[in-house]
């Protein structure tokens, strides 16, 4: 499974962005998909995750502001981010989970989100 993340960029505080993650190769093996982020000097953290059945899980920083969705037919997952804050500045990574993958998951290359005025 290979993942391609996109949609990052520069946005002002209070603004919105939509990140996309498209999976390719053996996509039928994917169970859950998730978004993580890593800010400079900080550990990578879970932002949101979604199962094949649509059950979602959010990190504390994302609750009430971010929404994760999935389009299985398009082999894609999305992260709609609203009311962005400077603290949301980070590289956002897509992750796909599958029992067929070494280590159980695959990571995308990351997309940079910068929240600044």
N, C-alpha and C. Protein backbone atom coordinates (compact mmCIF):
# COMPACT_ATOMS: atom_id res chain seq x y z
N UNK A 1 0.84 -1.19 0.00
CA UNK A 1 0.00 0.00 0.00
C UNK A 1 0.87 1.24 0.00
N UNK A 2 0.61 2.13 -0.93
CA UNK A 2 1.30 3.42 -0.96
C UNK A 2 0.26 4.52 -0.74
N UNK A 3 0.67 5.56 0.00
CA UNK A 3 -0.22 6.64 0.34
C UNK A 3 0.32 7.96 -0.15
N UNK A 4 -0.56 8.77 -0.71
CA UNK A 4 -0.19 10.10 -1.20
C UNK A 4 -1.07 11.12 -0.51
N UNK A 5 -0.45 11.94 0.32
CA UNK A 5 -1.19 12.98 1.04
C UNK A 5 -1.04 14.31 0.35
N UNK A 6 -2.08 15.11 0.41
CA UNK A 6 -2.04 16.44 -0.21
C UNK A 6 -3.02 17.36 0.49
N UNK A 7 -2.94 18.65 0.15
CA UNK A 7 -3.89 19.61 0.68
C UNK A 7 -3.35 20.57 1.71
N UNK A 8 -2.11 20.36 2.12
CA UNK A 8 -1.53 21.27 3.10
C UNK A 8 -1.23 22.63 2.49
N UNK A 9 -0.91 23.57 3.36
CA UNK A 9 -0.59 24.90 2.90
C UNK A 9 -0.60 25.90 4.03
N UNK A 10 -0.58 27.16 3.66
CA UNK A 10 -0.59 28.25 4.63
C UNK A 10 -2.02 28.76 4.78
N UNK A 11 -2.46 28.86 6.01
CA UNK A 11 -3.82 29.34 6.29
C UNK A 11 -3.78 30.26 7.50
N UNK A 12 -4.65 31.22 7.52
CA UNK A 12 -4.72 32.15 8.65
C UNK A 12 -5.45 31.51 9.82
N UNK A 13 -5.16 31.94 11.02
CA UNK A 13 -5.91 31.45 12.19
C UNK A 13 -7.41 31.61 11.98
N UNK A 14 -8.15 30.58 12.34
CA UNK A 14 -9.59 30.59 12.13
C UNK A 14 -10.02 30.03 10.79
N UNK A 15 -9.07 29.79 9.93
CA UNK A 15 -9.37 29.29 8.59
C UNK A 15 -9.56 27.78 8.56
N UNK A 16 -9.75 27.27 7.36
CA UNK A 16 -10.02 25.84 7.15
C UNK A 16 -9.13 25.27 6.05
N UNK A 17 -8.90 23.98 6.15
CA UNK A 17 -8.17 23.24 5.12
C UNK A 17 -8.75 21.84 5.04
N UNK A 18 -8.63 21.23 3.88
CA UNK A 18 -9.06 19.85 3.70
C UNK A 18 -7.87 19.05 3.16
N UNK A 19 -7.46 18.08 3.93
CA UNK A 19 -6.37 17.21 3.52
C UNK A 19 -6.95 15.95 2.87
N UNK A 20 -6.22 15.45 1.88
CA UNK A 20 -6.63 14.23 1.20
C UNK A 20 -5.51 13.21 1.25
N UNK A 21 -5.90 11.95 1.31
CA UNK A 21 -4.94 10.85 1.29
C UNK A 21 -5.49 9.79 0.36
N UNK A 22 -4.73 9.50 -0.68
CA UNK A 22 -5.14 8.50 -1.66
C UNK A 22 -4.22 7.29 -1.55
N UNK A 23 -4.81 6.13 -1.44
CA UNK A 23 -4.06 4.89 -1.34
C UNK A 23 -4.03 4.18 -2.68
N UNK A 24 -2.93 3.48 -2.91
CA UNK A 24 -2.81 2.69 -4.13
C UNK A 24 -2.09 1.38 -3.82
N UNK A 25 -2.30 0.37 -4.64
CA UNK A 25 -1.71 -0.97 -4.50
C UNK A 25 -2.28 -1.72 -3.31
N UNK A 26 -2.96 -2.81 -3.58
CA UNK A 26 -3.50 -3.70 -2.56
C UNK A 26 -4.42 -2.97 -1.59
N UNK A 27 -5.17 -2.02 -2.09
CA UNK A 27 -6.02 -1.20 -1.23
C UNK A 27 -7.13 -2.01 -0.58
N UNK A 28 -7.46 -3.16 -1.17
CA UNK A 28 -8.52 -3.99 -0.61
C UNK A 28 -8.12 -4.58 0.75
N UNK A 29 -6.83 -4.49 1.09
CA UNK A 29 -6.36 -5.04 2.35
C UNK A 29 -6.44 -4.03 3.50
N UNK A 30 -6.76 -2.77 3.18
CA UNK A 30 -6.74 -1.72 4.20
C UNK A 30 -7.92 -1.86 5.15
N UNK A 31 -7.64 -1.77 6.43
CA UNK A 31 -8.68 -1.73 7.44
C UNK A 31 -8.96 -0.28 7.80
N UNK A 32 -8.29 0.23 8.79
CA UNK A 32 -8.47 1.62 9.20
C UNK A 32 -7.50 2.55 8.49
N UNK A 33 -7.87 3.82 8.45
CA UNK A 33 -6.97 4.87 7.98
C UNK A 33 -6.96 5.97 9.02
N UNK A 34 -5.86 6.69 9.07
CA UNK A 34 -5.73 7.70 10.11
C UNK A 34 -4.85 8.85 9.66
N UNK A 35 -5.01 9.95 10.37
CA UNK A 35 -4.14 11.11 10.19
C UNK A 35 -3.37 11.32 11.49
N UNK A 36 -2.08 11.53 11.36
CA UNK A 36 -1.22 11.90 12.47
C UNK A 36 -0.58 13.25 12.13
N UNK A 37 0.00 13.88 13.12
CA UNK A 37 0.74 15.10 12.84
C UNK A 37 1.96 15.18 13.75
N UNK A 38 2.94 15.91 13.26
CA UNK A 38 4.15 16.11 14.04
C UNK A 38 4.58 17.56 13.91
N UNK A 39 4.54 18.26 15.02
CA UNK A 39 5.00 19.64 15.06
C UNK A 39 6.49 19.67 15.38
N UNK A 40 7.18 20.74 15.03
CA UNK A 40 8.61 20.83 15.30
C UNK A 40 8.92 20.62 16.78
N UNK A 41 9.82 19.71 17.05
CA UNK A 41 10.24 19.45 18.42
C UNK A 41 9.27 18.62 19.24
N UNK A 42 8.24 18.12 18.60
CA UNK A 42 7.24 17.33 19.33
C UNK A 42 7.11 15.94 18.74
N UNK A 43 6.52 15.04 19.52
CA UNK A 43 6.29 13.69 19.03
C UNK A 43 5.10 13.65 18.07
N UNK A 44 5.12 12.67 17.22
CA UNK A 44 3.99 12.47 16.31
C UNK A 44 2.77 12.06 17.14
N UNK A 45 1.63 12.62 16.82
CA UNK A 45 0.42 12.33 17.58
C UNK A 45 -0.75 12.02 16.65
N UNK A 46 -1.67 11.22 17.18
CA UNK A 46 -2.87 10.89 16.42
C UNK A 46 -3.78 12.11 16.35
N UNK A 47 -4.26 12.38 15.15
CA UNK A 47 -5.25 13.43 14.95
C UNK A 47 -6.64 12.81 14.85
N UNK A 48 -6.78 11.84 13.96
CA UNK A 48 -8.08 11.20 13.77
C UNK A 48 -7.89 9.88 13.04
N UNK A 49 -8.83 8.96 13.26
CA UNK A 49 -8.79 7.67 12.60
C UNK A 49 -10.20 7.26 12.23
N UNK A 50 -10.30 6.41 11.21
CA UNK A 50 -11.61 5.94 10.76
C UNK A 50 -11.49 4.50 10.29
N UNK A 51 -12.44 3.67 10.71
CA UNK A 51 -12.42 2.27 10.31
C UNK A 51 -13.14 2.08 8.98
N UNK A 52 -13.08 0.87 8.48
CA UNK A 52 -13.78 0.54 7.24
C UNK A 52 -15.28 0.77 7.40
N UNK A 53 -15.77 0.52 8.59
CA UNK A 53 -17.20 0.70 8.85
C UNK A 53 -17.60 2.13 9.16
N UNK A 54 -16.63 3.04 9.25
CA UNK A 54 -16.95 4.45 9.48
C UNK A 54 -16.87 4.90 10.91
N UNK A 55 -16.45 4.03 11.80
CA UNK A 55 -16.26 4.45 13.19
C UNK A 55 -15.05 5.36 13.28
N UNK A 56 -15.22 6.47 13.97
CA UNK A 56 -14.14 7.46 14.04
C UNK A 56 -13.59 7.61 15.45
N UNK A 57 -12.37 8.08 15.50
CA UNK A 57 -11.69 8.36 16.77
C UNK A 57 -10.89 9.63 16.55
N UNK A 58 -10.90 10.51 17.56
CA UNK A 58 -10.19 11.78 17.44
C UNK A 58 -9.25 12.00 18.60
N UNK A 59 -8.12 12.62 18.29
CA UNK A 59 -7.25 13.09 19.34
C UNK A 59 -7.86 14.30 20.01
N UNK A 60 -7.42 14.59 21.20
CA UNK A 60 -8.02 15.69 21.96
C UNK A 60 -7.93 17.02 21.21
N UNK A 61 -6.85 17.23 20.49
CA UNK A 61 -6.66 18.50 19.80
C UNK A 61 -7.62 18.68 18.62
N UNK A 62 -8.18 17.59 18.14
CA UNK A 62 -9.02 17.64 16.95
C UNK A 62 -10.51 17.67 17.25
N UNK A 63 -10.87 17.26 18.43
CA UNK A 63 -12.29 17.13 18.77
C UNK A 63 -13.04 18.45 18.61
N UNK A 64 -14.12 18.37 17.85
CA UNK A 64 -14.96 19.54 17.66
C UNK A 64 -14.53 20.45 16.53
N UNK A 65 -13.34 20.25 15.99
CA UNK A 65 -12.82 21.13 14.94
C UNK A 65 -12.49 20.38 13.66
N UNK A 66 -12.08 19.14 13.79
CA UNK A 66 -11.67 18.36 12.62
C UNK A 66 -12.66 17.22 12.39
N UNK A 67 -12.79 16.83 11.12
CA UNK A 67 -13.65 15.71 10.77
C UNK A 67 -12.93 14.82 9.78
N UNK A 68 -12.86 13.54 10.10
CA UNK A 68 -12.26 12.57 9.19
C UNK A 68 -13.36 11.82 8.47
N UNK A 69 -13.18 11.66 7.18
CA UNK A 69 -14.12 10.89 6.37
C UNK A 69 -13.33 9.95 5.46
N UNK A 70 -14.07 9.05 4.85
CA UNK A 70 -13.40 8.06 4.01
C UNK A 70 -14.29 7.73 2.84
N UNK A 71 -13.68 7.55 1.70
CA UNK A 71 -14.37 7.11 0.49
C UNK A 71 -13.67 5.83 0.04
N UNK A 72 -14.22 4.71 0.45
CA UNK A 72 -13.56 3.44 0.15
C UNK A 72 -13.49 3.18 -1.36
N UNK A 73 -14.50 3.60 -2.09
CA UNK A 73 -14.50 3.39 -3.54
C UNK A 73 -13.35 4.14 -4.20
N UNK A 74 -12.97 5.27 -3.61
CA UNK A 74 -11.88 6.08 -4.15
C UNK A 74 -10.57 5.81 -3.43
N UNK A 75 -10.61 4.84 -2.52
CA UNK A 75 -9.40 4.49 -1.74
C UNK A 75 -8.80 5.73 -1.08
N UNK A 76 -9.65 6.54 -0.52
CA UNK A 76 -9.20 7.83 0.01
C UNK A 76 -9.75 8.10 1.40
N UNK A 77 -9.00 8.91 2.12
CA UNK A 77 -9.44 9.43 3.40
C UNK A 77 -9.19 10.93 3.39
N UNK A 78 -10.03 11.64 4.12
CA UNK A 78 -9.95 13.10 4.11
C UNK A 78 -9.98 13.62 5.55
N UNK A 79 -9.36 14.76 5.72
CA UNK A 79 -9.40 15.43 7.03
C UNK A 79 -9.83 16.86 6.80
N UNK A 80 -11.05 17.17 7.20
CA UNK A 80 -11.55 18.53 7.12
C UNK A 80 -11.20 19.24 8.42
N UNK A 81 -10.41 20.29 8.32
CA UNK A 81 -9.95 21.01 9.51
C UNK A 81 -10.55 22.41 9.49
N UNK A 82 -11.16 22.77 10.60
CA UNK A 82 -11.79 24.09 10.72
C UNK A 82 -11.27 24.79 11.96
N UNK A 83 -11.49 26.11 11.99
CA UNK A 83 -11.08 26.91 13.13
C UNK A 83 -9.62 26.61 13.51
N UNK A 84 -8.78 26.65 12.53
CA UNK A 84 -7.37 26.30 12.74
C UNK A 84 -6.67 27.31 13.63
N UNK A 85 -5.75 26.81 14.41
CA UNK A 85 -4.98 27.61 15.35
C UNK A 85 -3.49 27.47 15.03
N UNK A 86 -2.68 28.45 15.42
CA UNK A 86 -1.24 28.32 15.18
C UNK A 86 -0.66 27.02 15.73
N UNK A 87 -1.26 26.52 16.80
CA UNK A 87 -0.78 25.26 17.40
C UNK A 87 -1.05 24.05 16.51
N UNK A 88 -1.84 24.22 15.48
CA UNK A 88 -2.10 23.13 14.54
C UNK A 88 -1.01 23.03 13.48
N UNK A 89 -0.09 23.95 13.49
CA UNK A 89 1.01 23.91 12.53
C UNK A 89 1.83 22.66 12.73
N UNK A 90 1.96 21.87 11.67
CA UNK A 90 2.65 20.58 11.76
C UNK A 90 2.70 19.95 10.37
N UNK A 91 3.48 18.90 10.28
CA UNK A 91 3.41 18.03 9.11
C UNK A 91 2.37 16.96 9.42
N UNK A 92 1.41 16.83 8.53
CA UNK A 92 0.32 15.86 8.70
C UNK A 92 0.59 14.64 7.84
N UNK A 93 0.50 13.48 8.47
CA UNK A 93 0.79 12.22 7.82
C UNK A 93 -0.45 11.35 7.77
N UNK A 94 -0.61 10.69 6.65
CA UNK A 94 -1.67 9.71 6.50
C UNK A 94 -1.10 8.33 6.82
N UNK A 95 -1.92 7.48 7.41
CA UNK A 95 -1.49 6.13 7.77
C UNK A 95 -2.61 5.16 7.44
N UNK A 96 -2.23 4.03 6.86
CA UNK A 96 -3.20 2.97 6.55
C UNK A 96 -2.80 1.71 7.29
N UNK A 97 -3.77 1.05 7.86
CA UNK A 97 -3.53 -0.16 8.63
C UNK A 97 -4.01 -1.39 7.85
N UNK A 98 -3.16 -2.41 7.87
CA UNK A 98 -3.52 -3.65 7.20
C UNK A 98 -2.71 -4.79 7.79
N UNK A 99 -3.35 -5.91 8.00
CA UNK A 99 -2.65 -7.08 8.51
C UNK A 99 -1.64 -7.61 7.50
N UNK A 100 -1.75 -7.16 6.23
CA UNK A 100 -0.87 -7.64 5.18
C UNK A 100 0.41 -6.80 5.07
N UNK A 101 0.49 -5.74 5.81
CA UNK A 101 1.66 -4.86 5.74
C UNK A 101 2.68 -5.20 6.80
N UNK A 102 3.91 -5.05 6.46
CA UNK A 102 4.98 -5.25 7.45
C UNK A 102 4.80 -4.21 8.54
N UNK A 103 4.75 -4.66 9.77
CA UNK A 103 4.51 -3.75 10.87
C UNK A 103 3.07 -3.36 11.06
N UNK A 104 2.22 -3.79 10.15
CA UNK A 104 0.78 -3.56 10.29
C UNK A 104 0.28 -2.26 9.73
N UNK A 105 1.15 -1.41 9.18
CA UNK A 105 0.67 -0.14 8.64
C UNK A 105 1.67 0.42 7.64
N UNK A 106 1.18 1.42 6.90
CA UNK A 106 2.01 2.13 5.93
C UNK A 106 1.78 3.62 6.12
N UNK A 107 2.84 4.42 5.94
CA UNK A 107 2.76 5.86 6.11
C UNK A 107 2.87 6.58 4.76
N UNK A 108 2.15 7.69 4.66
CA UNK A 108 2.34 8.58 3.53
C UNK A 108 3.50 9.52 3.80
N UNK A 109 3.77 10.40 2.84
CA UNK A 109 4.97 11.23 2.92
C UNK A 109 4.77 12.50 3.75
N UNK A 110 3.57 12.85 4.09
CA UNK A 110 3.32 14.04 4.90
C UNK A 110 3.03 15.26 4.06
N UNK A 111 2.19 16.12 4.62
CA UNK A 111 1.89 17.40 3.98
C UNK A 111 1.91 18.48 5.06
N UNK A 112 2.56 19.59 4.76
CA UNK A 112 2.79 20.63 5.76
C UNK A 112 1.60 21.57 5.85
N UNK A 113 1.13 21.77 7.06
CA UNK A 113 0.09 22.75 7.35
C UNK A 113 0.69 23.83 8.23
N UNK A 114 0.59 25.06 7.78
CA UNK A 114 1.11 26.19 8.54
C UNK A 114 -0.04 27.16 8.81
N UNK A 115 -0.28 27.41 10.08
CA UNK A 115 -1.34 28.33 10.48
C UNK A 115 -0.67 29.58 11.04
N UNK A 116 -0.80 30.66 10.29
CA UNK A 116 -0.12 31.89 10.67
C UNK A 116 -0.79 33.08 10.00
N UNK A 117 -0.74 34.20 10.68
CA UNK A 117 -1.27 35.43 10.11
C UNK A 117 -0.17 36.21 9.42
